Amino acid sequence: MARRGEIDLAVSGDILVETCRILHDKLKWSDERVEQARQEITGFARVVTPAERIDVVEADPSDGRILECAVAAGSHVIVSGDHHLTDLGEFRGITIVTVAAFLETVQGRGVERREG
């Protein structure tokens, strides 16, 4: 959806680093493949630099990086499968929803979901 310009996707440097670490360490992607993914993501996502550190999720402080990015981006919605975030429900006026709930909302607005 972000590739097609249907939504504005924001990421921060911390999120990119963590994404690349997971792709390499957990999914065993090669360095070349990880770099290609990083370049692709930065090609369709808006990279923001958070101005503040947010540590409100005691059970998983790294979740604060997602909140920091959303605040810096002026986001309206955070889409996450992380229950620490979805349990918050909202943060500083930013709604936090599951992927399923987001897709249901987007489809209800007439944005057609296409595979690929």
PDB file of N, CA and C in Angstrom:
ATOM      1  N   MET A   1       0.827  -1.194   0.000  1.00  0.00           N
ATOM      2  CA  MET A   1       0.000   0.000   0.000  1.00  0.00           C
ATOM      3  C   MET A   1       0.871   1.258   0.000  1.00  0.00           C
ATOM      4  N   ALA A   2       1.957   1.226   0.776  1.00  0.00           N
ATOM      5  CA  ALA A   2       2.861   2.379   0.787  1.00  0.00           C
ATOM      6  C   ALA A   2       3.577   2.517  -0.549  1.00  0.00           C
ATOM      7  N   ARG A   3       3.949   1.400  -1.146  1.00  0.00           N
ATOM      8  CA  ARG A   3       4.615   1.441  -2.460  1.00  0.00           C
ATOM      9  C   ARG A   3       3.735   2.112  -3.503  1.00  0.00           C
ATOM     10  N   ARG A   4       2.424   1.894  -3.398  1.00  0.00           N
ATOM     11  CA  ARG A   4       1.485   2.453  -4.367  1.00  0.00           C
ATOM     12  C   ARG A   4       1.033   3.866  -3.986  1.00  0.00           C
ATOM     13  N   GLY A   5       1.544   4.385  -2.887  1.00  0.00           N
ATOM     14  CA  GLY A   5       1.185   5.727  -2.471  1.00  0.00           C
ATOM     15  C   GLY A   5      -0.179   5.831  -1.826  1.00  0.00           C
ATOM     16  N   GLU A   6      -0.756   4.704  -1.425  1.00  0.00           N
ATOM     17  CA  GLU A   6      -2.083   4.706  -0.817  1.00  0.00           C
ATOM     18  C   GLU A   6      -2.036   5.094   0.652  1.00  0.00           C
ATOM     19  N   ILE A   7      -0.893   4.881   1.284  1.00  0.00           N
ATOM     20  CA  ILE A   7      -0.706   5.289   2.673  1.00  0.00           C
ATOM     21  C   ILE A   7       0.666   5.928   2.805  1.00  0.00           C
ATOM     22  N   ASP A   8       0.839   6.734   3.822  1.00  0.00           N
ATOM     23  CA  ASP A   8       2.120   7.358   4.122  1.00  0.00           C
ATOM     24  C   ASP A   8       2.774   6.521   5.215  1.00  0.00           C
ATOM     25  N   LEU A   9       3.848   5.846   4.881  1.00  0.00           N
ATOM     26  CA  LEU A   9       4.570   4.999   5.827  1.00  0.00           C
ATOM     27  C   LEU A   9       5.808   5.735   6.297  1.00  0.00           C
ATOM     28  N   ALA A  10       5.974   5.842   7.608  1.00  0.00           N
ATOM     29  CA  ALA A  10       7.148   6.503   8.167  1.00  0.00           C
ATOM     30  C   ALA A  10       7.988   5.487   8.929  1.00  0.00           C
ATOM     31  N   VAL A  11       9.300   5.636   8.821  1.00  0.00           N
ATOM     32  CA  VAL A  11      10.251   4.830   9.583  1.00  0.00           C
ATOM     33  C   VAL A  11      11.320   5.766  10.121  1.00  0.00           C
ATOM     34  N   SER A  12      11.991   5.297  11.165  1.00  0.00           N
ATOM     35  CA  SER A  12      13.121   6.051  11.715  1.00  0.00           C
ATOM     36  C   SER A  12      14.388   5.235  11.498  1.00  0.00           C
ATOM     37  N   GLY A  13      15.517   5.851  11.733  1.00  0.00           N
ATOM     38  CA  GLY A  13      16.780   5.134  11.641  1.00  0.00           C
ATOM     39  C   GLY A  13      16.817   3.937  12.566  1.00  0.00           C
ATOM     40  N   ASP A  14      16.320   4.088  13.796  1.00  0.00           N
ATOM     41  CA  ASP A  14      16.289   2.971  14.749  1.00  0.00           C
ATOM     42  C   ASP A  14      15.446   1.815  14.228  1.00  0.00           C
ATOM     43  N   ILE A  15      14.319   2.121  13.611  1.00  0.00           N
ATOM     44  CA  ILE A  15      13.446   1.070  13.071  1.00  0.00           C
ATOM     45  C   ILE A  15      14.132   0.377  11.898  1.00  0.00           C
ATOM     46  N   LEU A  16      14.799   1.129  11.044  1.00  0.00           N
ATOM     47  CA  LEU A  16      15.523   0.523   9.930  1.00  0.00           C
ATOM     48  C   LEU A  16      16.634  -0.399  10.422  1.00  0.00           C
ATOM     49  N   VAL A  17      17.382   0.046  11.418  1.00  0.00           N
ATOM     50  CA  VAL A  17      18.464  -0.777  11.972  1.00  0.00           C
ATOM     51  C   VAL A  17      17.900  -2.072  12.542  1.00  0.00           C
ATOM     52  N   GLU A  18      16.828  -1.983  13.302  1.00  0.00           N
ATOM     53  CA  GLU A  18      16.231  -3.178  13.910  1.00  0.00           C
ATOM     54  C   GLU A  18      15.653  -4.110  12.849  1.00  0.00           C
ATOM     55  N   THR A  19      15.023  -3.553  11.838  1.00  0.00           N
ATOM     56  CA  THR A  19      14.484  -4.366  10.750  1.00  0.00           C
ATOM     57  C   THR A  19      15.604  -5.121  10.043  1.00  0.00           C
ATOM     58  N   CYS A  20      16.670  -4.429   9.744  1.00  0.00           N
ATOM     59  CA  CYS A  20      17.810  -5.074   9.073  1.00  0.00           C
ATOM     60  C   CYS A  20      18.447  -6.137   9.960  1.00  0.00           C
ATOM     61  N   ARG A  21      18.539  -5.873  11.247  1.00  0.00           N
ATOM     62  CA  ARG A  21      19.100  -6.861  12.178  1.00  0.00           C
ATOM     63  C   ARG A  21      18.258  -8.132  12.177  1.00  0.00           C
ATOM     64  N   ILE A  22      16.960  -7.993  12.216  1.00  0.00           N
ATOM     65  CA  ILE A  22      16.069  -9.156  12.226  1.00  0.00           C
ATOM     66  C   ILE A  22      16.179  -9.923  10.915  1.00  0.00           C
ATOM     67  N   LEU A  23      16.184  -9.215   9.797  1.00  0.00           N
ATOM     68  CA  LEU A  23      16.301  -9.886   8.498  1.00  0.00           C
ATOM     69  C   LEU A  23      17.606 -10.683   8.414  1.00  0.00           C
ATOM     70  N   HIS A  24      18.673 -10.115   8.919  1.00  0.00           N
ATOM     71  CA  HIS A  24      19.977 -10.778   8.848  1.00  0.00           C
ATOM     72  C   HIS A  24      20.123 -11.882   9.889  1.00  0.00           C
ATOM     73  N   ASP A  25      19.874 -11.549  11.155  1.00  0.00           N
ATOM     74  CA  ASP A  25      20.157 -12.483  12.247  1.00  0.00           C
ATOM     75  C   ASP A  25      19.103 -13.570  12.418  1.00  0.00           C
ATOM     76  N   LYS A  26      17.850 -13.204  12.316  1.00  0.00           N
ATOM     77  CA  LYS A  26      16.786 -14.183  12.552  1.00  0.00           C
ATOM     78  C   LYS A  26      16.342 -14.897  11.282  1.00  0.00           C
ATOM     79  N   LEU A  27      16.267 -14.159  10.181  1.00  0.00           N
ATOM     80  CA  LEU A  27      15.813 -14.768   8.933  1.00  0.00           C
ATOM     81  C   LEU A  27      16.969 -15.223   8.052  1.00  0.00           C
ATOM     82  N   LYS A  28      18.194 -14.910   8.490  1.00  0.00           N
ATOM     83  CA  LYS A  28      19.419 -15.367   7.813  1.00  0.00           C
ATOM     84  C   LYS A  28      19.562 -14.831   6.388  1.00  0.00           C
ATOM     85  N   TRP A  29      19.072 -13.614   6.165  1.00  0.00           N
ATOM     86  CA  TRP A  29      19.251 -12.993   4.861  1.00  0.00           C
ATOM     87  C   TRP A  29      20.716 -12.595   4.705  1.00  0.00           C
ATOM     88  N   SER A  30      21.213 -12.614   3.479  1.00  0.00           N
ATOM     89  CA  SER A  30      22.580 -12.182   3.191  1.00  0.00           C
ATOM     90  C   SER A  30      22.684 -10.671   3.382  1.00  0.00           C
ATOM     91  N   ASP A  31      23.919 -10.190   3.561  1.00  0.00           N
ATOM     92  CA  ASP A  31      24.141  -8.748   3.683  1.00  0.00           C
ATOM     93  C   ASP A  31      23.603  -8.003   2.461  1.00  0.00           C
ATOM     94  N   GLU A  32      23.807  -8.568   1.276  1.00  0.00           N
ATOM     95  CA  GLU A  32      23.328  -7.925   0.049  1.00  0.00           C
ATOM     96  C   GLU A  32      21.808  -7.820   0.027  1.00  0.00           C
ATOM     97  N   ARG A  33      21.145  -8.898   0.417  1.00  0.00           N
ATOM     98  CA  ARG A  33      19.680  -8.900   0.409  1.00  0.00           C
ATOM     99  C   ARG A  33      19.128  -7.922   1.445  1.00  0.00           C
ATOM    100  N   VAL A  34      19.774  -7.849   2.606  1.00  0.00           N
ATOM    101  CA  VAL A  34      19.350  -6.907   3.645  1.00  0.00           C
ATOM    102  C   VAL A  34      19.511  -5.469   3.145  1.00  0.00           C
ATOM    103  N   GLU A  35      20.626  -5.179   2.518  1.00  0.00           N
ATOM    104  CA  GLU A  35      20.862  -3.831   1.991  1.00  0.00           C
ATOM    105  C   GLU A  35      19.844  -3.490   0.906  1.00  0.00           C
ATOM    106  N   GLN A  36      19.516  -4.451   0.065  1.00  0.00           N
ATOM    107  CA  GLN A  36      18.502  -4.223  -0.966  1.00  0.00           C
ATOM    108  C   GLN A  36      17.152  -3.905  -0.320  1.00  0.00           C
ATOM    109  N   ALA A  37      16.795  -4.637   0.735  1.00  0.00           N
ATOM    110  CA  ALA A  37      15.535  -4.384   1.441  1.00  0.00           C
ATOM    111  C   ALA A  37      15.545  -2.995   2.072  1.00  0.00           C
ATOM    112  N   ARG A  38      16.676  -2.604   2.691  1.00  0.00           N
ATOM    113  CA  ARG A  38      16.774  -1.291   3.316  1.00  0.00           C
ATOM    114  C   ARG A  38      16.578  -0.188   2.269  1.00  0.00           C
ATOM    115  N   GLN A  39      17.213  -0.353   1.114  1.00  0.00           N
ATOM    116  CA  GLN A  39      17.065   0.638   0.048  1.00  0.00           C
ATOM    117  C   GLN A  39      15.638   0.697  -0.479  1.00  0.00           C
ATOM    118  N   GLU A  40      15.026  -0.451  -0.593  1.00  0.00           N
ATOM    119  CA  GLU A  40      13.642  -0.489  -1.069  1.00  0.00           C
ATOM    120  C   GLU A  40      12.713   0.218  -0.082  1.00  0.00           C
ATOM    121  N   ILE A  41      12.882  -0.083   1.205  1.00  0.00           N
ATOM    122  CA  ILE A  41      12.048   0.545   2.235  1.00  0.00           C
ATOM    123  C   ILE A  41      12.212   2.057   2.206  1.00  0.00           C
ATOM    124  N   THR A  42      13.447   2.528   2.136  1.00  0.00           N
ATOM    125  CA  THR A  42      13.660   3.977   2.140  1.00  0.00           C
ATOM    126  C   THR A  42      13.203   4.625   0.835  1.00  0.00           C
ATOM    127  N   GLY A  43      12.951   3.809  -0.177  1.00  0.00           N
ATOM    128  CA  GLY A  43      12.428   4.333  -1.432  1.00  0.00           C
ATOM    129  C   GLY A  43      10.948   4.652  -1.382  1.00  0.00           C
ATOM    130  N   PHE A  44      10.202   3.956  -0.519  1.00  0.00           N
ATOM    131  CA  PHE A  44       8.762   4.235  -0.457  1.00  0.00           C
ATOM    132  C   PHE A  44       8.291   4.726   0.902  1.00  0.00           C
ATOM    133  N   ALA A  45       9.146   4.686   1.902  1.00  0.00           N
ATOM    134  CA  ALA A  45       8.778   5.172   3.237  1.00  0.00           C
ATOM    135  C   ALA A  45       9.434   6.530   3.488  1.00  0.00           C
ATOM    136  N   ARG A  46       8.809   7.296   4.324  1.00  0.00           N
ATOM    137  CA  ARG A  46       9.363   8.588   4.730  1.00  0.00           C
ATOM    138  C   ARG A  46      10.224   8.352   5.963  1.00  0.00           C
ATOM    139  N   VAL A  47      11.494   8.715   5.903  1.00  0.00           N
ATOM    140  CA  VAL A  47      12.400   8.521   7.029  1.00  0.00           C
ATOM    141  C   VAL A  47      12.360   9.779   7.895  1.00  0.00           C
ATOM    142  N   VAL A  48      12.038   9.582   9.174  1.00  0.00           N
ATOM    143  CA  VAL A  48      11.938  10.700  10.116  1.00  0.00           C
ATOM    144  C   VAL A  48      12.978  10.542  11.214  1.00  0.00           C
ATOM    145  N   THR A  49      13.300  11.649  11.840  1.00  0.00           N
ATOM    146  CA  THR A  49      14.244  11.658  12.953  1.00  0.00           C
ATOM    147  C   THR A  49      13.499  12.102  14.205  1.00  0.00           C
ATOM    148  N   PRO A  50      13.241  11.165  15.119  1.00  0.00           N
ATOM    149  CA  PRO A  50      12.532  11.533  16.349  1.00  0.00           C
ATOM    150  C   PRO A  50      13.301  12.581  17.153  1.00  0.00           C
ATOM    151  N   ALA A  51      12.552  13.490  17.753  1.00  0.00           N
ATOM    152  CA  ALA A  51      13.146  14.565  18.542  1.00  0.00           C
ATOM    153  C   ALA A  51      13.177  14.246  20.029  1.00  0.00           C
ATOM    154  N   GLU A  52      12.516  13.161  20.415  1.00  0.00           N
ATOM    155  CA  GLU A  52      12.474  12.811  21.832  1.00  0.00           C
ATOM    156  C   GLU A  52      12.541  11.310  22.026  1.00  0.00           C
ATOM    157  N   ARG A  53      12.969  10.928  23.202  1.00  0.00           N
ATOM    158  CA  ARG A  53      13.014   9.512  23.580  1.00  0.00           C
ATOM    159  C   ARG A  53      11.740   9.218  24.369  1.00  0.00           C
ATOM    160  N   ILE A  54      11.039   8.141  24.004  1.00  0.00           N
ATOM    161  CA  ILE A  54       9.790   7.763  24.676  1.00  0.00           C
ATOM    162  C   ILE A  54       9.961   6.365  25.248  1.00  0.00           C
ATOM    163  N   ASP A  55       9.778   6.255  26.539  1.00  0.00           N
ATOM    164  CA  ASP A  55       9.890   4.963  27.223  1.00  0.00           C
ATOM    165  C   ASP A  55       8.668   4.751  28.108  1.00  0.00           C
ATOM    166  N   VAL A  56       7.561   4.331  27.499  1.00  0.00           N
ATOM    167  CA  VAL A  56       6.329   4.120  28.254  1.00  0.00           C
ATOM    168  C   VAL A  56       5.914   2.655  28.340  1.00  0.00           C
ATOM    169  N   VAL A  57       6.567   1.787  27.570  1.00  0.00           N
ATOM    170  CA  VAL A  57       6.229   0.367  27.578  1.00  0.00           C
ATOM    171  C   VAL A  57       7.286  -0.353  28.413  1.00  0.00           C
ATOM    172  N   GLU A  58       7.000  -0.503  29.696  1.00  0.00           N
ATOM    173  CA  GLU A  58       7.976  -1.093  30.608  1.00  0.00           C
ATOM    174  C   GLU A  58       8.357  -2.516  30.224  1.00  0.00           C
ATOM    175  N   ALA A  59       7.406  -3.298  29.742  1.00  0.00           N
ATOM    176  CA  ALA A  59       7.664  -4.700  29.399  1.00  0.00           C
ATOM    177  C   ALA A  59       8.600  -4.836  28.197  1.00  0.00           C
ATOM    178  N   ASP A  60       8.642  -3.838  27.329  1.00  0.00           N
ATOM    179  CA  ASP A  60       9.501  -3.886  26.143  1.00  0.00           C
ATOM    180  C   ASP A  60       9.882  -2.455  25.749  1.00  0.00           C
ATOM    181  N   PRO A  61      10.924  -1.921  26.380  1.00  0.00           N
ATOM    182  CA  PRO A  61      11.312  -0.530  26.119  1.00  0.00           C
ATOM    183  C   PRO A  61      11.601  -0.228  24.654  1.00  0.00           C
ATOM    184  N   SER A  62      11.994  -1.230  23.859  1.00  0.00           N
ATOM    185  CA  SER A  62      12.272  -0.972  22.442  1.00  0.00           C
ATOM    186  C   SER A  62      11.015  -0.562  21.679  1.00  0.00           C
ATOM    187  N   ASP A  63       9.838  -0.866  22.211  1.00  0.00           N
ATOM    188  CA  ASP A  63       8.594  -0.425  21.570  1.00  0.00           C
ATOM    189  C   ASP A  63       8.491   1.097  21.533  1.00  0.00           C
ATOM    190  N   GLY A  64       9.231   1.749  22.398  1.00  0.00           N
ATOM    191  CA  GLY A  64       9.255   3.207  22.398  1.00  0.00           C
ATOM    192  C   GLY A  64       9.745   3.782  21.092  1.00  0.00           C
ATOM    193  N   ARG A  65      10.602   3.037  20.370  1.00  0.00           N
ATOM    194  CA  ARG A  65      11.116   3.535  19.088  1.00  0.00           C
ATOM    195  C   ARG A  65       9.978   3.698  18.087  1.00  0.00           C
ATOM    196  N   ILE A  66       8.985   2.811  18.156  1.00  0.00           N
ATOM    197  CA  ILE A  66       7.822   2.919  17.259  1.00  0.00           C
ATOM    198  C   ILE A  66       7.021   4.168  17.605  1.00  0.00           C
ATOM    199  N   LEU A  67       6.808   4.392  18.888  1.00  0.00           N
ATOM    200  CA  LEU A  67       6.066   5.573  19.321  1.00  0.00           C
ATOM    201  C   LEU A  67       6.804   6.853  18.954  1.00  0.00           C
ATOM    202  N   GLU A  68       8.126   6.852  19.127  1.00  0.00           N
ATOM    203  CA  GLU A  68       8.929   8.021  18.772  1.00  0.00           C
ATOM    204  C   GLU A  68       8.785   8.354  17.292  1.00  0.00           C
ATOM    205  N   CYS A  69       8.840   7.335  16.472  1.00  0.00           N
ATOM    206  CA  CYS A  69       8.707   7.521  15.023  1.00  0.00           C
ATOM    207  C   CYS A  69       7.338   8.097  14.683  1.00  0.00           C
ATOM    208  N   ALA A  70       6.306   7.531  15.273  1.00  0.00           N
ATOM    209  CA  ALA A  70       4.942   7.987  14.981  1.00  0.00           C
ATOM    210  C   ALA A  70       4.737   9.436  15.399  1.00  0.00           C
ATOM    211  N   VAL A  71       5.266   9.812  16.559  1.00  0.00           N
ATOM    212  CA  VAL A  71       5.144  11.199  17.016  1.00  0.00           C
ATOM    213  C   VAL A  71       5.891  12.124  16.064  1.00  0.00           C
ATOM    214  N   ALA A  72       7.126  11.754  15.715  1.00  0.00           N
ATOM    215  CA  ALA A  72       7.932  12.590  14.818  1.00  0.00           C
ATOM    216  C   ALA A  72       7.283  12.738  13.447  1.00  0.00           C
ATOM    217  N   ALA A  73       6.604  11.688  12.987  1.00  0.00           N
ATOM    218  CA  ALA A  73       5.979  11.700  11.664  1.00  0.00           C
ATOM    219  C   ALA A  73       4.623  12.403  11.655  1.00  0.00           C
ATOM    220  N   GLY A  74       4.076  12.674  12.831  1.00  0.00           N
ATOM    221  CA  GLY A  74       2.730  13.252  12.873  1.00  0.00           C
ATOM    222  C   GLY A  74       1.687  12.240  12.454  1.00  0.00           C
ATOM    223  N   SER A  75       1.938  10.976  12.787  1.00  0.00           N
ATOM    224  CA  SER A  75       1.052   9.880  12.368  1.00  0.00           C
ATOM    225  C   SER A  75      -0.314   9.965  13.026  1.00  0.00           C
ATOM    226  N   HIS A  76      -1.284   9.405  12.331  1.00  0.00           N
ATOM    227  CA  HIS A  76      -2.630   9.274  12.870  1.00  0.00           C
ATOM    228  C   HIS A  76      -2.842   7.869  13.402  1.00  0.00           C
ATOM    229  N   VAL A  77      -2.111   6.907  12.836  1.00  0.00           N
ATOM    230  CA  VAL A  77      -2.305   5.493  13.175  1.00  0.00           C
ATOM    231  C   VAL A  77      -0.954   4.788  13.230  1.00  0.00           C
ATOM    232  N   ILE A  78      -0.826   3.887  14.209  1.00  0.00           N
ATOM    233  CA  ILE A  78       0.278   2.928  14.258  1.00  0.00           C
ATOM    234  C   ILE A  78      -0.350   1.574  14.006  1.00  0.00           C
ATOM    235  N   VAL A  79       0.204   0.832  13.057  1.00  0.00           N
ATOM    236  CA  VAL A  79      -0.281  -0.507  12.747  1.00  0.00           C
ATOM    237  C   VAL A  79       0.763  -1.480  13.270  1.00  0.00           C
ATOM    238  N   SER A  80       0.343  -2.371  14.171  1.00  0.00           N
ATOM    239  CA  SER A  80       1.307  -3.253  14.816  1.00  0.00           C
ATOM    240  C   SER A  80       0.679  -4.578  15.217  1.00  0.00           C
ATOM    241  N   GLY A  81       1.500  -5.598  15.225  1.00  0.00           N
ATOM    242  CA  GLY A  81       1.093  -6.889  15.749  1.00  0.00           C
ATOM    243  C   GLY A  81       1.629  -7.106  17.158  1.00  0.00           C
ATOM    244  N   ASP A  82       2.314  -6.118  17.690  1.00  0.00           N
ATOM    245  CA  ASP A  82       2.910  -6.204  19.019  1.00  0.00           C
ATOM    246  C   ASP A  82       1.852  -5.892  20.077  1.00  0.00           C
ATOM    247  N   HIS A  83       1.591  -6.857  20.925  1.00  0.00           N
ATOM    248  CA  HIS A  83       0.499  -6.664  21.899  1.00  0.00           C
ATOM    249  C   HIS A  83       0.807  -5.578  22.921  1.00  0.00           C
ATOM    250  N   HIS A  84       2.087  -5.305  23.193  1.00  0.00           N
ATOM    251  CA  HIS A  84       2.402  -4.207  24.118  1.00  0.00           C
ATOM    252  C   HIS A  84       1.903  -2.882  23.559  1.00  0.00           C
ATOM    253  N   LEU A  85       2.033  -2.713  22.260  1.00  0.00           N
ATOM    254  CA  LEU A  85       1.561  -1.483  21.620  1.00  0.00           C
ATOM    255  C   LEU A  85       0.047  -1.486  21.442  1.00  0.00           C
ATOM    256  N   THR A  86      -0.497  -2.592  20.926  1.00  0.00           N
ATOM    257  CA  THR A  86      -1.946  -2.621  20.695  1.00  0.00           C
ATOM    258  C   THR A  86      -2.718  -2.544  22.006  1.00  0.00           C
ATOM    259  N   ASP A  87      -2.126  -3.032  23.093  1.00  0.00           N
ATOM    260  CA  ASP A  87      -2.784  -2.913  24.406  1.00  0.00           C
ATOM    261  C   ASP A  87      -2.906  -1.456  24.844  1.00  0.00           C
ATOM    262  N   LEU A  88      -1.986  -0.600  24.369  1.00  0.00           N
ATOM    263  CA  LEU A  88      -2.101   0.828  24.682  1.00  0.00           C
ATOM    264  C   LEU A  88      -3.354   1.425  24.042  1.00  0.00           C
ATOM    265  N   GLY A  89      -3.674   0.973  22.830  1.00  0.00           N
ATOM    266  CA  GLY A  89      -4.857   1.473  22.133  1.00  0.00           C
ATOM    267  C   GLY A  89      -4.660   2.811  21.461  1.00  0.00           C
ATOM    268  N   GLU A  90      -3.965   3.707  22.140  1.00  0.00           N
ATOM    269  CA  GLU A  90      -3.649   5.021  21.582  1.00  0.00           C
ATOM    270  C   GLU A  90      -2.531   5.636  22.397  1.00  0.00           C
ATOM    271  N   PHE A  91      -1.817   6.548  21.742  1.00  0.00           N
ATOM    272  CA  PHE A  91      -0.732   7.267  22.405  1.00  0.00           C
ATOM    273  C   PHE A  91      -0.685   8.665  21.826  1.00  0.00           C
ATOM    274  N   ARG A  92      -0.862   9.653  22.678  1.00  0.00           N
ATOM    275  CA  ARG A  92      -0.853  11.065  22.267  1.00  0.00           C
ATOM    276  C   ARG A  92      -1.760  11.325  21.063  1.00  0.00           C
ATOM    277  N   GLY A  93      -2.913  10.696  21.087  1.00  0.00           N
ATOM    278  CA  GLY A  93      -3.887  10.899  20.019  1.00  0.00           C
ATOM    279  C   GLY A  93      -3.662  10.038  18.790  1.00  0.00           C
ATOM    280  N   ILE A  94      -2.631   9.191  18.807  1.00  0.00           N
ATOM    281  CA  ILE A  94      -2.350   8.298  17.689  1.00  0.00           C
ATOM    282  C   ILE A  94      -2.996   6.952  17.993  1.00  0.00           C
ATOM    283  N   THR A  95      -3.913   6.520  17.151  1.00  0.00           N
ATOM    284  CA  THR A  95      -4.591   5.241  17.339  1.00  0.00           C
ATOM    285  C   THR A  95      -3.627   4.103  17.027  1.00  0.00           C
ATOM    286  N   ILE A  96      -3.651   3.057  17.844  1.00  0.00           N
ATOM    287  CA  ILE A  96      -2.798   1.891  17.626  1.00  0.00           C
ATOM    288  C   ILE A  96      -3.702   0.696  17.364  1.00  0.00           C
ATOM    289  N   VAL A  97      -3.561   0.106  16.161  1.00  0.00           N
ATOM    290  CA  VAL A  97      -4.442  -0.984  15.744  1.00  0.00           C
ATOM    291  C   VAL A  97      -3.638  -2.159  15.193  1.00  0.00           C
ATOM    292  N   THR A  98      -4.288  -3.308  15.140  1.00  0.00           N
ATOM    293  CA  THR A  98      -3.694  -4.487  14.518  1.00  0.00           C
ATOM    294  C   THR A  98      -3.745  -4.339  13.001  1.00  0.00           C
ATOM    295  N   VAL A  99      -2.984  -5.164  12.314  1.00  0.00           N
ATOM    296  CA  VAL A  99      -2.995  -5.161  10.858  1.00  0.00           C
ATOM    297  C   VAL A  99      -4.403  -5.455  10.344  1.00  0.00           C
ATOM    298  N   ALA A 100      -5.048  -6.468  10.938  1.00  0.00           N
ATOM    299  CA  ALA A 100      -6.402  -6.844  10.500  1.00  0.00           C
ATOM    300  C   ALA A 100      -7.375  -5.677  10.648  1.00  0.00           C
ATOM    301  N   ALA A 101      -7.319  -4.980  11.771  1.00  0.00           N
ATOM    302  CA  ALA A 101      -8.225  -3.850  11.995  1.00  0.00           C
ATOM    303  C   ALA A 101      -7.934  -2.723  11.010  1.00  0.00           C
ATOM    304  N   PHE A 102      -6.664  -2.485  10.736  1.00  0.00           N
ATOM    305  CA  PHE A 102      -6.294  -1.438   9.779  1.00  0.00           C
ATOM    306  C   PHE A 102      -6.813  -1.767   8.389  1.00  0.00           C
ATOM    307  N   LEU A 103      -6.587  -3.008   7.938  1.00  0.00           N
ATOM    308  CA  LEU A 103      -7.041  -3.397   6.602  1.00  0.00           C
ATOM    309  C   LEU A 103      -8.557  -3.317   6.489  1.00  0.00           C
ATOM    310  N   GLU A 104      -9.257  -3.680   7.547  1.00  0.00           N
ATOM    311  CA  GLU A 104     -10.715  -3.594   7.538  1.00  0.00           C
ATOM    312  C   GLU A 104     -11.155  -2.135   7.380  1.00  0.00           C
ATOM    313  N   THR A 105     -10.509  -1.243   8.086  1.00  0.00           N
ATOM    314  CA  THR A 105     -10.831   0.179   8.000  1.00  0.00           C
ATOM    315  C   THR A 105     -10.530   0.731   6.615  1.00  0.00           C
ATOM    316  N   VAL A 106      -9.348   0.399   6.094  1.00  0.00           N
ATOM    317  CA  VAL A 106      -8.948   0.892   4.774  1.00  0.00           C
ATOM    318  C   VAL A 106      -9.882   0.355   3.697  1.00  0.00           C
ATOM    319  N   GLN A 107     -10.220  -0.920   3.761  1.00  0.00           N
ATOM    320  CA  GLN A 107     -11.127  -1.499   2.769  1.00  0.00           C
ATOM    321  C   GLN A 107     -12.498  -0.863   2.865  1.00  0.00           C
ATOM    322  N   GLY A 108     -12.915  -0.504   4.065  1.00  0.00           N
ATOM    323  CA  GLY A 108     -14.203   0.155   4.248  1.00  0.00           C
ATOM    324  C   GLY A 108     -14.248   1.535   3.628  1.00  0.00           C
ATOM    325  N   ARG A 109     -13.072   2.134   3.398  1.00  0.00           N
ATOM    326  CA  ARG A 109     -12.996   3.460   2.777  1.00  0.00           C
ATOM    327  C   ARG A 109     -12.860   3.372   1.273  1.00  0.00           C
ATOM    328  N   GLY A 110     -12.894   2.157   0.752  1.00  0.00           N
ATOM    329  CA  GLY A 110     -12.865   1.997  -0.696  1.00  0.00           C
ATOM    330  C   GLY A 110     -11.475   1.839  -1.278  1.00  0.00           C
ATOM    331  N   VAL A 111     -10.445   1.705  -0.440  1.00  0.00           N
ATOM    332  CA  VAL A 111      -9.118   1.450  -0.969  1.00  0.00           C
ATOM    333  C   VAL A 111      -9.006  -0.041  -1.189  1.00  0.00           C
ATOM    334  N   GLU A 112      -8.851  -0.404  -2.436  1.00  0.00           N
ATOM    335  CA  GLU A 112      -8.827  -1.821  -2.788  1.00  0.00           C
ATOM    336  C   GLU A 112      -7.497  -2.429  -2.373  1.00  0.00           C
ATOM    337  N   ARG A 113      -7.544  -3.561  -1.684  1.00  0.00           N
ATOM    338  CA  ARG A 113      -6.341  -4.270  -1.291  1.00  0.00           C
ATOM    339  C   ARG A 113      -5.943  -5.212  -2.418  1.00  0.00           C
ATOM    340  N   ARG A 114      -4.735  -5.008  -2.937  1.00  0.00           N
ATOM    341  CA  ARG A 114      -4.219  -5.840  -4.011  1.00  0.00           C
ATOM    342  C   ARG A 114      -3.011  -6.582  -3.513  1.00  0.00           C
ATOM    343  N   GLU A 115      -2.835  -7.809  -3.971  1.00  0.00           N
ATOM    344  CA  GLU A 115      -1.673  -8.608  -3.598  1.00  0.00           C
ATOM    345  C   GLU A 115      -0.468  -8.147  -4.391  1.00  0.00           C
ATOM    346  N   GLY A 116       0.712  -8.290  -3.771  1.00  0.00           N
ATOM    347  CA  GLY A 116       1.940  -7.991  -4.488  1.00  0.00           C
ATOM    348  C   GLY A 116       2.654  -6.920  -3.871  1.00  0.00           C
TER     349      GLY A 116
END
